[in-house]
PDB file of N, CA and C in Angstrom:
ATOM      1  N   UNK A   1       8.376  22.671   4.757  1.00  0.00           N
ATOM      2  CA  UNK A   1       8.578  23.727   4.053  1.00  0.00           C
ATOM      3  C   UNK A   1       7.834  24.739   4.407  1.00  0.00           C
ATOM      4  N   UNK A   2       6.495  23.975   3.995  1.00  0.00           N
ATOM      5  CA  UNK A   2       4.596  24.496   4.731  1.00  0.00           C
ATOM      6  C   UNK A   2       4.502  25.405   5.769  1.00  0.00           C
ATOM      7  N   UNK A   3       5.027  24.230   6.764  1.00  0.00           N
ATOM      8  CA  UNK A   3       4.565  24.973   7.894  1.00  0.00           C
ATOM      9  C   UNK A   3       5.584  25.559   8.932  1.00  0.00           C
ATOM     10  N   UNK A   4       6.710  25.966   7.986  1.00  0.00           N
ATOM     11  CA  UNK A   4       7.613  27.077   8.341  1.00  0.00           C
ATOM     12  C   UNK A   4       7.128  28.285   7.865  1.00  0.00           C
ATOM     13  N   UNK A   5       6.059  27.857   6.198  1.00  0.00           N
ATOM     14  CA  UNK A   5       5.437  29.484   5.878  1.00  0.00           C
ATOM     15  C   UNK A   5       4.576  30.141   7.011  1.00  0.00           C
ATOM     16  N   UNK A   6       3.564  28.784   6.999  1.00  0.00           N
ATOM     17  CA  UNK A   6       3.111  29.509   8.072  1.00  0.00           C
ATOM     18  C   UNK A   6       3.198  29.785   9.298  1.00  0.00           C
ATOM     19  N   UNK A   7       4.002  29.669   9.300  1.00  0.00           N
ATOM     20  CA  UNK A   7       4.687  30.105  11.119  1.00  0.00           C
ATOM     21  C   UNK A   7       5.042  31.028  10.678  1.00  0.00           C
ATOM     22  N   UNK A   8       6.004  31.607   9.748  1.00  0.00           N
ATOM     23  CA  UNK A   8       6.129  32.757   9.946  1.00  0.00           C
ATOM     24  C   UNK A   8       5.000  33.826   9.216  1.00  0.00           C
ATOM     25  N   UNK A   9       4.067  33.117   8.458  1.00  0.00           N
ATOM     26  CA  UNK A   9       3.021  34.536   8.165  1.00  0.00           C
ATOM     27  C   UNK A   9       2.374  34.610   9.144  1.00  0.00           C
ATOM     28  N   UNK A  10       2.100  34.321  10.541  1.00  0.00           N
ATOM     29  CA  UNK A  10       1.131  34.134  11.548  1.00  0.00           C
ATOM     30  C   UNK A  10       2.474  34.728  12.965  1.00  0.00           C
ATOM     31  N   UNK A  11       3.450  34.372  12.765  1.00  0.00           N
ATOM     32  CA  UNK A  11       4.274  35.747  13.891  1.00  0.00           C
ATOM     33  C   UNK A  11       4.561  37.009  13.096  1.00  0.00           C
ATOM     34  N   UNK A  12       4.120  36.831  11.482  1.00  0.00           N
ATOM     35  CA  UNK A  12       4.231  38.407  11.139  1.00  0.00           C
ATOM     36  C   UNK A  12       2.708  39.209  11.333  1.00  0.00           C
ATOM     37  N   UNK A  13       1.621  38.517  11.310  1.00  0.00           N
ATOM     38  CA  UNK A  13       0.523  38.593  11.421  1.00  0.00           C
ATOM     39  C   UNK A  13       0.153  40.054  13.108  1.00  0.00           C
ATOM     40  N   UNK A  14       0.725  38.822  13.794  1.00  0.00           N
ATOM     41  CA  UNK A  14       1.026  38.714  15.381  1.00  0.00           C
ATOM     42  C   UNK A  14       1.840  40.044  15.745  1.00  0.00           C
ATOM     43  N   UNK A  15       2.844  40.768  15.145  1.00  0.00           N
ATOM     44  CA  UNK A  15       3.735  41.825  15.561  1.00  0.00           C
ATOM     45  C   UNK A  15       2.744  42.508  14.243  1.00  0.00           C
ATOM     46  N   UNK A  16       2.119  42.399  13.299  1.00  0.00           N
ATOM     47  CA  UNK A  16       1.315  43.719  12.637  1.00  0.00           C
ATOM     48  C   UNK A  16       0.363  44.164  13.972  1.00  0.00           C
ATOM     49  N   UNK A  17      -0.007  43.086  14.561  1.00  0.00           N
ATOM     50  CA  UNK A  17      -1.033  43.060  15.134  1.00  0.00           C
ATOM     51  C   UNK A  17      -1.178  44.222  16.387  1.00  0.00           C
ATOM     52  N   UNK A  18       0.021  43.540  17.542  1.00  0.00           N
ATOM     53  CA  UNK A  18       1.149  44.422  18.304  1.00  0.00           C
ATOM     54  C   UNK A  18       1.064  46.331  17.943  1.00  0.00           C
ATOM     55  N   UNK A  19       1.886  45.974  16.910  1.00  0.00           N
ATOM     56  CA  UNK A  19       2.589  47.695  16.126  1.00  0.00           C
ATOM     57  C   UNK A  19       1.241  48.252  16.122  1.00  0.00           C
ATOM     58  N   UNK A  20       0.187  47.452  15.565  1.00  0.00           N
ATOM     59  CA  UNK A  20      -1.050  48.740  15.131  1.00  0.00           C
ATOM     60  C   UNK A  20      -1.969  49.088  16.901  1.00  0.00           C
ATOM     61  N   UNK A  21      -1.697  48.407  17.862  1.00  0.00           N
ATOM     62  CA  UNK A  21      -2.439  48.086  19.294  1.00  0.00           C
ATOM     63  C   UNK A  21      -1.533  49.431  19.664  1.00  0.00           C
ATOM     64  N   UNK A  22      -0.152  49.246  19.533  1.00  0.00           N
ATOM     65  CA  UNK A  22       0.342  49.975  20.016  1.00  0.00           C
ATOM     66  C   UNK A  22       0.630  51.961  19.380  1.00  0.00           C
ATOM     67  N   UNK A  23       0.439  51.785  17.969  1.00  0.00           N
ATOM     68  CA  UNK A  23      -0.228  53.161  17.111  1.00  0.00           C
ATOM     69  C   UNK A  23      -1.443  53.781  17.747  1.00  0.00           C
ATOM     70  N   UNK A  24      -2.369  52.903  17.966  1.00  0.00           N
ATOM     71  CA  UNK A  24      -3.759  53.211  18.539  1.00  0.00           C
ATOM     72  C   UNK A  24      -3.731  53.939  19.950  1.00  0.00           C
ATOM     73  N   UNK A  25      -2.935  53.157  20.672  1.00  0.00           N
ATOM     74  CA  UNK A  25      -2.509  53.587  21.627  1.00  0.00           C
ATOM     75  C   UNK A  25      -2.081  55.212  21.683  1.00  0.00           C
ATOM     76  N   UNK A  26      -0.904  55.131  20.958  1.00  0.00           N
ATOM     77  CA  UNK A  26      -0.419  56.450  20.939  1.00  0.00           C
ATOM     78  C   UNK A  26      -0.953  57.611  20.104  1.00  0.00           C
ATOM     79  N   UNK A  27      -2.030  57.175  19.415  1.00  0.00           N
ATOM     80  CA  UNK A  27      -2.499  57.734  19.194  1.00  0.00           C
ATOM     81  C   UNK A  27      -3.757  58.975  19.941  1.00  0.00           C
ATOM     82  N   UNK A  28      -4.333  57.788  20.869  1.00  0.00           N
ATOM     83  CA  UNK A  28      -4.845  58.289  21.631  1.00  0.00           C
ATOM     84  C   UNK A  28      -4.450  59.393  22.703  1.00  0.00           C
ATOM     85  N   UNK A  29      -3.043  59.202  22.620  1.00  0.00           N
ATOM     86  CA  UNK A  29      -2.117  60.056  23.782  1.00  0.00           C
ATOM     87  C   UNK A  29      -1.846  59.316  25.055  1.00  0.00           C
ATOM     88  N   UNK A  30      -1.871  57.840  24.773  1.00  0.00           N
ATOM     89  CA  UNK A  30      -1.690  57.207  26.283  1.00  0.00           C
ATOM     90  C   UNK A  30      -0.385  56.483  25.580  1.00  0.00           C
ATOM     91  N   UNK A  31       0.664  56.349  27.056  1.00  0.00           N
ATOM     92  CA  UNK A  31       1.786  56.195  26.789  1.00  0.00           C
ATOM     93  C   UNK A  31       1.358  54.256  27.417  1.00  0.00           C
ATOM     94  N   UNK A  32       2.544  53.163  26.074  1.00  0.00           N
ATOM     95  CA  UNK A  32       2.358  51.882  26.725  1.00  0.00           C
ATOM     96  C   UNK A  32       2.589  51.495  27.922  1.00  0.00           C
ATOM     97  N   UNK A  33       3.444  52.272  28.882  1.00  0.00           N
ATOM     98  CA  UNK A  33       3.282  51.806  29.630  1.00  0.00           C
ATOM     99  C   UNK A  33       2.639  52.474  30.901  1.00  0.00           C
ATOM    100  N   UNK A  34       2.059  53.498  30.622  1.00  0.00           N
ATOM    101  CA  UNK A  34       0.871  53.635  31.445  1.00  0.00           C
ATOM    102  C   UNK A  34      -0.849  52.760  31.260  1.00  0.00           C
ATOM    103  N   UNK A  35      -0.896  52.554  29.766  1.00  0.00           N
ATOM    104  CA  UNK A  35      -1.825  51.411  30.238  1.00  0.00           C
ATOM    105  C   UNK A  35      -1.203  49.972  30.441  1.00  0.00           C
ATOM    106  N   UNK A  36      -0.582  49.676  30.642  1.00  0.00           N
ATOM    107  CA  UNK A  36       0.016  48.287  31.367  1.00  0.00           C
ATOM    108  C   UNK A  36      -0.173  48.758  32.651  1.00  0.00           C
ATOM    109  N   UNK A  37       0.104  49.508  33.736  1.00  0.00           N
ATOM    110  CA  UNK A  37      -0.233  50.058  34.523  1.00  0.00           C
ATOM    111  C   UNK A  37      -1.986  49.720  34.659  1.00  0.00           C
ATOM    112  N   UNK A  38      -3.148  50.951  34.253  1.00  0.00           N
ATOM    113  CA  UNK A  38      -3.880  50.388  34.157  1.00  0.00           C
ATOM    114  C   UNK A  38      -4.333  48.707  34.114  1.00  0.00           C
ATOM    115  N   UNK A  39      -4.085  48.408  33.323  1.00  0.00           N
ATOM    116  CA  UNK A  39      -4.896  46.833  33.453  1.00  0.00           C
ATOM    117  C   UNK A  39      -4.169  46.451  34.332  1.00  0.00           C
ATOM    118  N   UNK A  40      -2.593  46.054  35.020  1.00  0.00           N
ATOM    119  CA  UNK A  40      -2.909  46.050  35.956  1.00  0.00           C
ATOM    120  C   UNK A  40      -3.590  46.559  37.493  1.00  0.00           C
ATOM    121  N   UNK A  41      -3.870  48.107  37.425  1.00  0.00           N
ATOM    122  CA  UNK A  41      -4.541  48.461  38.483  1.00  0.00           C
ATOM    123  C   UNK A  41      -6.005  48.098  38.743  1.00  0.00           C
ATOM    124  N   UNK A  42      -6.320  48.038  37.093  1.00  0.00           N
ATOM    125  CA  UNK A  42      -7.970  47.536  37.253  1.00  0.00           C
ATOM    126  C   UNK A  42      -8.688  46.288  37.393  1.00  0.00           C
ATOM    127  N   UNK A  43      -7.246  45.297  37.537  1.00  0.00           N
ATOM    128  CA  UNK A  43      -7.104  43.643  38.225  1.00  0.00           C
ATOM    129  C   UNK A  43      -6.998  44.154  39.678  1.00  0.00           C
ATOM    130  N   UNK A  44      -5.850  45.221  40.260  1.00  0.00           N
ATOM    131  CA  UNK A  44      -6.589  46.176  41.707  1.00  0.00           C
ATOM    132  C   UNK A  44      -7.447  45.915  42.361  1.00  0.00           C
ATOM    133  N   UNK A  45      -8.101  46.700  41.653  1.00  0.00           N
ATOM    134  CA  UNK A  45      -9.525  47.378  41.308  1.00  0.00           C
ATOM    135  C   UNK A  45     -10.498  46.463  41.654  1.00  0.00           C
ATOM    136  N   UNK A  46     -10.683  45.684  41.410  1.00  0.00           N
ATOM    137  CA  UNK A  46     -12.107  43.814  41.649  1.00  0.00           C
ATOM    138  C   UNK A  46     -11.647  43.714  42.920  1.00  0.00           C
ATOM    139  N   UNK A  47     -10.006  43.660  43.305  1.00  0.00           N
ATOM    140  CA  UNK A  47      -9.410  43.106  44.775  1.00  0.00           C
ATOM    141  C   UNK A  47     -10.246  44.178  45.590  1.00  0.00           C
ATOM    142  N   UNK A  48     -10.034  45.310  45.403  1.00  0.00           N
ATOM    143  CA  UNK A  48     -10.356  46.397  46.308  1.00  0.00           C
ATOM    144  C   UNK A  48     -12.138  46.671  46.586  1.00  0.00           C
ATOM    145  N   UNK A  49     -12.487  46.222  45.929  1.00  0.00           N
ATOM    146  CA  UNK A  49     -13.816  46.488  45.419  1.00  0.00           C
ATOM    147  C   UNK A  49     -14.470  45.551  46.931  1.00  0.00           C
ATOM    148  N   UNK A  50     -14.215  44.111  46.667  1.00  0.00           N
ATOM    149  CA  UNK A  50     -14.270  43.274  47.374  1.00  0.00           C
ATOM    150  C   UNK A  50     -13.899  43.946  48.963  1.00  0.00           C
ATOM    151  N   UNK A  51     -12.999  44.889  49.122  1.00  0.00           N
ATOM    152  CA  UNK A  51     -12.510  44.849  50.199  1.00  0.00           C
ATOM    153  C   UNK A  51     -13.297  46.243  51.039  1.00  0.00           C
ATOM    154  N   UNK A  52     -13.468  46.886  50.041  1.00  0.00           N
ATOM    155  CA  UNK A  52     -14.610  48.241  49.799  1.00  0.00           C
ATOM    156  C   UNK A  52     -15.682  48.308  50.675  1.00  0.00           C
ATOM    157  N   UNK A  53     -16.262  46.664  50.520  1.00  0.00           N
ATOM    158  CA  UNK A  53     -17.389  46.386  51.133  1.00  0.00           C
ATOM    159  C   UNK A  53     -17.191  46.207  52.939  1.00  0.00           C
ATOM    160  N   UNK A  54     -16.046  46.249  53.347  1.00  0.00           N
ATOM    161  CA  UNK A  54     -15.874  45.563  54.585  1.00  0.00           C
ATOM    162  C   UNK A  54     -15.062  46.589  55.330  1.00  0.00           C
ATOM    163  N   UNK A  55     -14.937  47.583  55.004  1.00  0.00           N
ATOM    164  CA  UNK A  55     -13.422  48.526  55.215  1.00  0.00           C
ATOM    165  C   UNK A  55     -14.058  49.142  56.821  1.00  0.00           C
ATOM    166  N   UNK A  56     -15.286  49.009  57.047  1.00  0.00           N
ATOM    167  CA  UNK A  56     -15.200  49.211  58.536  1.00  0.00           C
ATOM    168  C   UNK A  56     -14.685  47.928  59.524  1.00  0.00           C
ATOM    169  N   UNK A  57     -14.814  47.085  58.770  1.00  0.00           N
ATOM    170  CA  UNK A  57     -14.260  46.184  59.779  1.00  0.00           C
ATOM    171  C   UNK A  57     -12.834  45.676  59.949  1.00  0.00           C
ATOM    172  N   UNK A  58     -12.217  46.711  59.139  1.00  0.00           N
ATOM    173  CA  UNK A  58     -10.932  46.157  58.778  1.00  0.00           C
ATOM    174  C   UNK A  58     -10.207  46.653  59.861  1.00  0.00           C
ATOM    175  N   UNK A  59      -8.918  46.198  60.191  1.00  0.00           N
ATOM    176  CA  UNK A  59      -7.726  46.994  61.170  1.00  0.00           C
ATOM    177  C   UNK A  59      -7.212  47.814  60.394  1.00  0.00           C
ATOM    178  N   UNK A  60      -6.052  48.153  61.524  1.00  0.00           N
ATOM    179  CA  UNK A  60      -5.429  49.302  61.343  1.00  0.00           C
ATOM    180  C   UNK A  60      -4.470  48.968  60.017  1.00  0.00           C
ATOM    181  N   UNK A  61      -4.083  47.733  60.190  1.00  0.00           N
ATOM    182  CA  UNK A  61      -3.260  47.201  59.250  1.00  0.00           C
ATOM    183  C   UNK A  61      -3.298  47.173  57.941  1.00  0.00           C
ATOM    184  N   UNK A  62      -4.634  46.444  58.095  1.00  0.00           N
ATOM    185  CA  UNK A  62      -5.342  46.111  56.495  1.00  0.00           C
ATOM    186  C   UNK A  62      -5.984  47.715  55.734  1.00  0.00           C
ATOM    187  N   UNK A  63      -6.534  48.647  57.106  1.00  0.00           N
ATOM    188  CA  UNK A  63      -6.758  50.030  56.237  1.00  0.00           C
ATOM    189  C   UNK A  63      -5.200  50.956  55.757  1.00  0.00           C
ATOM    190  N   UNK A  64      -4.335  50.229  56.175  1.00  0.00           N
ATOM    191  CA  UNK A  64      -3.469  51.355  55.790  1.00  0.00           C
ATOM    192  C   UNK A  64      -3.080  50.396  54.124  1.00  0.00           C
ATOM    193  N   UNK A  65      -2.607  49.154  54.025  1.00  0.00           N
ATOM    194  CA  UNK A  65      -2.615  48.637  53.247  1.00  0.00           C
ATOM    195  C   UNK A  65      -3.650  48.683  51.787  1.00  0.00           C
ATOM    196  N   UNK A  66      -4.946  48.809  52.301  1.00  0.00           N
ATOM    197  CA  UNK A  66      -6.128  49.391  51.214  1.00  0.00           C
ATOM    198  C   UNK A  66      -6.053  50.655  50.501  1.00  0.00           C
ATOM    199  N   UNK A  67      -5.073  51.999  51.900  1.00  0.00           N
ATOM    200  CA  UNK A  67      -4.951  52.630  51.126  1.00  0.00           C
ATOM    201  C   UNK A  67      -3.670  53.062  50.074  1.00  0.00           C
ATOM    202  N   UNK A  68      -2.847  52.611  50.668  1.00  0.00           N
ATOM    203  CA  UNK A  68      -1.693  52.521  49.781  1.00  0.00           C
ATOM    204  C   UNK A  68      -2.049  52.546  48.528  1.00  0.00           C
ATOM    205  N   UNK A  69      -2.586  50.902  48.187  1.00  0.00           N
ATOM    206  CA  UNK A  69      -3.318  50.379  47.257  1.00  0.00           C
ATOM    207  C   UNK A  69      -4.110  51.136  46.442  1.00  0.00           C
ATOM    208  N   UNK A  70      -5.058  51.493  46.933  1.00  0.00           N
ATOM    209  CA  UNK A  70      -6.165  52.277  46.392  1.00  0.00           C
ATOM    210  C   UNK A  70      -5.058  53.229  45.680  1.00  0.00           C
ATOM    211  N   UNK A  71      -4.290  54.453  46.450  1.00  0.00           N
ATOM    212  CA  UNK A  71      -3.580  55.604  45.651  1.00  0.00           C
ATOM    213  C   UNK A  71      -3.225  54.846  44.745  1.00  0.00           C
ATOM    214  N   UNK A  72      -2.439  54.072  44.551  1.00  0.00           N
ATOM    215  CA  UNK A  72      -2.128  53.350  43.217  1.00  0.00           C
ATOM    216  C   UNK A  72      -2.528  53.086  42.005  1.00  0.00           C
ATOM    217  N   UNK A  73      -3.466  52.793  42.263  1.00  0.00           N
ATOM    218  CA  UNK A  73      -5.173  52.359  41.258  1.00  0.00           C
ATOM    219  C   UNK A  73      -5.816  53.287  40.585  1.00  0.00           C
ATOM    220  N   UNK A  74      -5.690  54.842  42.216  1.00  0.00           N
ATOM    221  CA  UNK A  74      -6.234  56.212  41.508  1.00  0.00           C
ATOM    222  C   UNK A  74      -5.339  56.659  40.336  1.00  0.00           C
ATOM    223  N   UNK A  75      -4.013  56.703  41.153  1.00  0.00           N
ATOM    224  CA  UNK A  75      -2.984  56.710  40.202  1.00  0.00           C
ATOM    225  C   UNK A  75      -2.421  56.442  38.536  1.00  0.00           C
ATOM    226  N   UNK A  76      -2.957  55.530  38.712  1.00  0.00           N
ATOM    227  CA  UNK A  76      -3.089  54.434  36.828  1.00  0.00           C
ATOM    228  C   UNK A  76      -4.774  55.481  36.482  1.00  0.00           C
ATOM    229  N   UNK A  77      -5.488  55.264  37.158  1.00  0.00           N
ATOM    230  CA  UNK A  77      -6.476  55.349  36.129  1.00  0.00           C
ATOM    231  C   UNK A  77      -6.276  56.863  36.095  1.00  0.00           C
ATOM    232  N   UNK A  78      -6.101  57.988  36.873  1.00  0.00           N
ATOM    233  CA  UNK A  78      -5.313  59.338  36.339  1.00  0.00           C
ATOM    234  C   UNK A  78      -5.464  59.486  34.959  1.00  0.00           C
ATOM    235  N   UNK A  79      -4.365  58.768  34.993  1.00  0.00           N
ATOM    236  CA  UNK A  79      -3.314  58.495  33.477  1.00  0.00           C
ATOM    237  C   UNK A  79      -4.621  58.724  32.132  1.00  0.00           C
ATOM    238  N   UNK A  80      -4.961  57.344  31.967  1.00  0.00           N
ATOM    239  CA  UNK A  80      -6.129  57.304  30.968  1.00  0.00           C
ATOM    240  C   UNK A  80      -7.242  57.744  31.322  1.00  0.00           C
ATOM    241  N   UNK A  81      -7.702  58.076  30.132  1.00  0.00           N
ATOM    242  CA  UNK A  81      -8.965  58.950  29.981  1.00  0.00           C
ATOM    243  C   UNK A  81     -10.291  57.878  30.332  1.00  0.00           C
ATOM    244  N   UNK A  82     -11.395  59.103  30.856  1.00  0.00           N
ATOM    245  CA  UNK A  82     -12.578  58.189  31.371  1.00  0.00           C
ATOM    246  C   UNK A  82     -13.383  57.264  30.573  1.00  0.00           C
ATOM    247  N   UNK A  83     -12.989  57.789  29.257  1.00  0.00           N
ATOM    248  CA  UNK A  83     -13.793  56.521  28.145  1.00  0.00           C
ATOM    249  C   UNK A  83     -13.478  54.945  28.199  1.00  0.00           C
ATOM    250  N   UNK A  84     -12.533  55.201  28.076  1.00  0.00           N
ATOM    251  CA  UNK A  84     -11.999  53.911  28.762  1.00  0.00           C
ATOM    252  C   UNK A  84     -11.657  52.509  30.072  1.00  0.00           C
ATOM    253  N   UNK A  85     -12.241  53.494  30.936  1.00  0.00           N
ATOM    254  CA  UNK A  85     -12.537  52.736  31.902  1.00  0.00           C
ATOM    255  C   UNK A  85     -14.245  53.023  32.216  1.00  0.00           C
ATOM    256  N   UNK A  86     -14.871  53.517  31.812  1.00  0.00           N
ATOM    257  CA  UNK A  86     -16.400  53.946  32.036  1.00  0.00           C
ATOM    258  C   UNK A  86     -17.199  52.846  33.118  1.00  0.00           C
ATOM    259  N   UNK A  87     -17.096  51.895  32.197  1.00  0.00           N
ATOM    260  CA  UNK A  87     -17.780  50.486  32.537  1.00  0.00           C
ATOM    261  C   UNK A  87     -17.048  49.898  34.350  1.00  0.00           C
ATOM    262  N   UNK A  88     -15.751  50.268  34.941  1.00  0.00           N
ATOM    263  CA  UNK A  88     -15.595  50.888  36.028  1.00  0.00           C
ATOM    264  C   UNK A  88     -16.300  50.704  36.880  1.00  0.00           C
ATOM    265  N   UNK A  89     -16.333  52.193  36.186  1.00  0.00           N
ATOM    266  CA  UNK A  89     -16.802  53.705  37.265  1.00  0.00           C
ATOM    267  C   UNK A  89     -17.110  53.415  38.542  1.00  0.00           C
ATOM    268  N   UNK A  90     -18.594  52.685  38.805  1.00  0.00           N
ATOM    269  CA  UNK A  90     -19.235  51.531  40.143  1.00  0.00           C
ATOM    270  C   UNK A  90     -18.431  51.258  40.646  1.00  0.00           C
ATOM    271  N   UNK A  91     -17.210  50.469  40.350  1.00  0.00           N
ATOM    272  CA  UNK A  91     -16.294  49.884  40.917  1.00  0.00           C
ATOM    273  C   UNK A  91     -15.334  50.878  41.531  1.00  0.00           C
ATOM    274  N   UNK A  92     -14.735  51.803  40.673  1.00  0.00           N
ATOM    275  CA  UNK A  92     -14.000  52.860  40.948  1.00  0.00           C
ATOM    276  C   UNK A  92     -14.533  53.668  41.991  1.00  0.00           C
ATOM    277  N   UNK A  93     -15.675  53.798  42.632  1.00  0.00           N
ATOM    278  CA  UNK A  93     -16.472  55.433  43.020  1.00  0.00           C
ATOM    279  C   UNK A  93     -16.203  54.020  43.963  1.00  0.00           C
ATOM    280  N   UNK A  94     -17.291  53.363  44.743  1.00  0.00           N
ATOM    281  CA  UNK A  94     -16.847  52.914  45.895  1.00  0.00           C
ATOM    282  C   UNK A  94     -15.907  52.803  46.131  1.00  0.00           C
ATOM    283  N   UNK A  95     -14.689  52.380  45.418  1.00  0.00           N
ATOM    284  CA  UNK A  95     -13.309  52.658  46.558  1.00  0.00           C
ATOM    285  C   UNK A  95     -13.392  53.586  46.966  1.00  0.00           C
ATOM    286  N   UNK A  96     -13.172  54.425  46.338  1.00  0.00           N
ATOM    287  CA  UNK A  96     -13.127  55.980  46.256  1.00  0.00           C
ATOM    288  C   UNK A  96     -13.510  56.362  47.599  1.00  0.00           C
ATOM    289  N   UNK A  97     -15.145  56.072  48.000  1.00  0.00           N
ATOM    290  CA  UNK A  97     -15.947  56.587  48.848  1.00  0.00           C
ATOM    291  C   UNK A  97     -15.260  55.681  50.021  1.00  0.00           C
ATOM    292  N   UNK A  98     -15.072  54.423  50.359  1.00  0.00           N
ATOM    293  CA  UNK A  98     -14.226  53.959  50.994  1.00  0.00           C
ATOM    294  C   UNK A  98     -13.097  54.230  51.679  1.00  0.00           C
ATOM    295  N   UNK A  99     -12.171  54.647  50.709  1.00  0.00           N
ATOM    296  CA  UNK A  99     -10.911  55.493  50.643  1.00  0.00           C
ATOM    297  C   UNK A  99     -11.224  56.612  51.629  1.00  0.00           C
ATOM    298  N   UNK A 100     -12.186  57.436  51.039  1.00  0.00           N
ATOM    299  CA  UNK A 100     -12.436  58.428  52.364  1.00  0.00           C
ATOM    300  C   UNK A 100     -13.130  58.832  53.133  1.00  0.00           C
ATOM    301  N   UNK A 101     -13.814  57.119  53.015  1.00  0.00           N
ATOM    302  CA  UNK A 101     -14.230  57.455  54.751  1.00  0.00           C
ATOM    303  C   UNK A 101     -12.951  56.494  55.606  1.00  0.00           C
ATOM    304  N   UNK A 102     -12.121  55.556  55.377  1.00  0.00           N
ATOM    305  CA  UNK A 102     -10.919  55.393  56.020  1.00  0.00           C
ATOM    306  C   UNK A 102      -9.817  56.572  56.742  1.00  0.00           C
ATOM    307  N   UNK A 103     -10.291  57.615  55.289  1.00  0.00           N
ATOM    308  CA  UNK A 103      -9.070  58.585  55.431  1.00  0.00           C
ATOM    309  C   UNK A 103      -9.742  59.635  56.314  1.00  0.00           C
ATOM    310  N   UNK A 104     -10.374  59.927  56.804  1.00  0.00           N
ATOM    311  CA  UNK A 104     -11.464  60.519  57.240  1.00  0.00           C
ATOM    312  C   UNK A 104     -11.661  60.131  59.123  1.00  0.00           C
ATOM    313  N   UNK A 105     -11.627  58.870  58.860  1.00  0.00           N
ATOM    314  CA  UNK A 105     -11.745  58.081  60.649  1.00  0.00           C
ATOM    315  C   UNK A 105     -10.201  57.743  60.698  1.00  0.00           C
ATOM    316  N   UNK A 106      -9.188  57.751  60.336  1.00  0.00           N
ATOM    317  CA  UNK A 106      -8.035  57.772  60.811  1.00  0.00           C
ATOM    318  C   UNK A 106      -7.309  59.037  60.948  1.00  0.00           C
ATOM    319  N   UNK A 107      -8.080  60.452  60.190  1.00  0.00           N
ATOM    320  CA  UNK A 107      -7.797  61.858  60.699  1.00  0.00           C
ATOM    321  C   UNK A 107      -8.366  61.837  61.985  1.00  0.00           C
ATOM    322  N   UNK A 108      -9.967  61.735  62.234  1.00  0.00           N
ATOM    323  CA  UNK A 108     -10.758  62.131  63.551  1.00  0.00           C
ATOM    324  C   UNK A 108      -9.727  61.163  64.306  1.00  0.00           C
ATOM    325  N   UNK A 109      -9.310  59.739  64.462  1.00  0.00           N
ATOM    326  CA  UNK A 109      -9.048  59.201  65.331  1.00  0.00           C
ATOM    327  C   UNK A 109      -7.440  59.851  65.802  1.00  0.00           C
ATOM    328  N   UNK A 110      -6.599  60.388  64.605  1.00  0.00           N
ATOM    329  CA  UNK A 110      -5.363  61.531  65.086  1.00  0.00           C
ATOM    330  C   UNK A 110      -5.558  62.557  65.559  1.00  0.00           C
ATOM    331  N   UNK A 111      -6.857  63.106  65.763  1.00  0.00           N
ATOM    332  CA  UNK A 111      -6.971  64.477  66.380  1.00  0.00           C
ATOM    333  C   UNK A 111      -7.375  64.187  67.175  1.00  0.00           C
ATOM    334  N   UNK A 112      -8.075  63.059  67.895  1.00  0.00           N
ATOM    335  CA  UNK A 112      -9.140  62.873  68.846  1.00  0.00           C
ATOM    336  C   UNK A 112      -8.102  62.205  70.254  1.00  0.00           C
ATOM    337  N   UNK A 113      -6.897  61.746  69.484  1.00  0.00           N
ATOM    338  CA  UNK A 113      -5.743  61.255  70.473  1.00  0.00           C
ATOM    339  C   UNK A 113      -4.978  62.708  70.934  1.00  0.00           C
ATOM    340  N   UNK A 114      -4.890  63.396  70.032  1.00  0.00           N
ATOM    341  CA  UNK A 114      -3.759  64.342  69.891  1.00  0.00           C
ATOM    342  C   UNK A 114      -4.333  65.214  71.401  1.00  0.00           C
ATOM    343  N   UNK A 115      -5.565  65.324  71.392  1.00  0.00           N
ATOM    344  CA  UNK A 115      -5.813  66.306  72.648  1.00  0.00           C
ATOM    345  C   UNK A 115      -5.999  65.827  74.009  1.00  0.00           C
TER     346      UNK A 115
END
């Protein structure tokens, strides 16, 4: 009987914390779905950061995958205020630079092939 009461109290506390977290997100103007996609994008940012150091050695297929994944990350980060992810700014910036460099090199390659 006592164990059931303890479990009930713990579940009540857990649901209370979840409700409080959701309320804080709503007060900050962030949708829960956007925040969840931000968490997933943050994990992908770490992987892209590693690849961004090697972007010059990527083949065409790897570059296309990098570009599409980076666009998803940028989209998720755009929906969240910068003060939430300012600790990740260095990684974000390096991935963005690699993204720009790949886009420019692919654009230059396409223009030189069409001439």
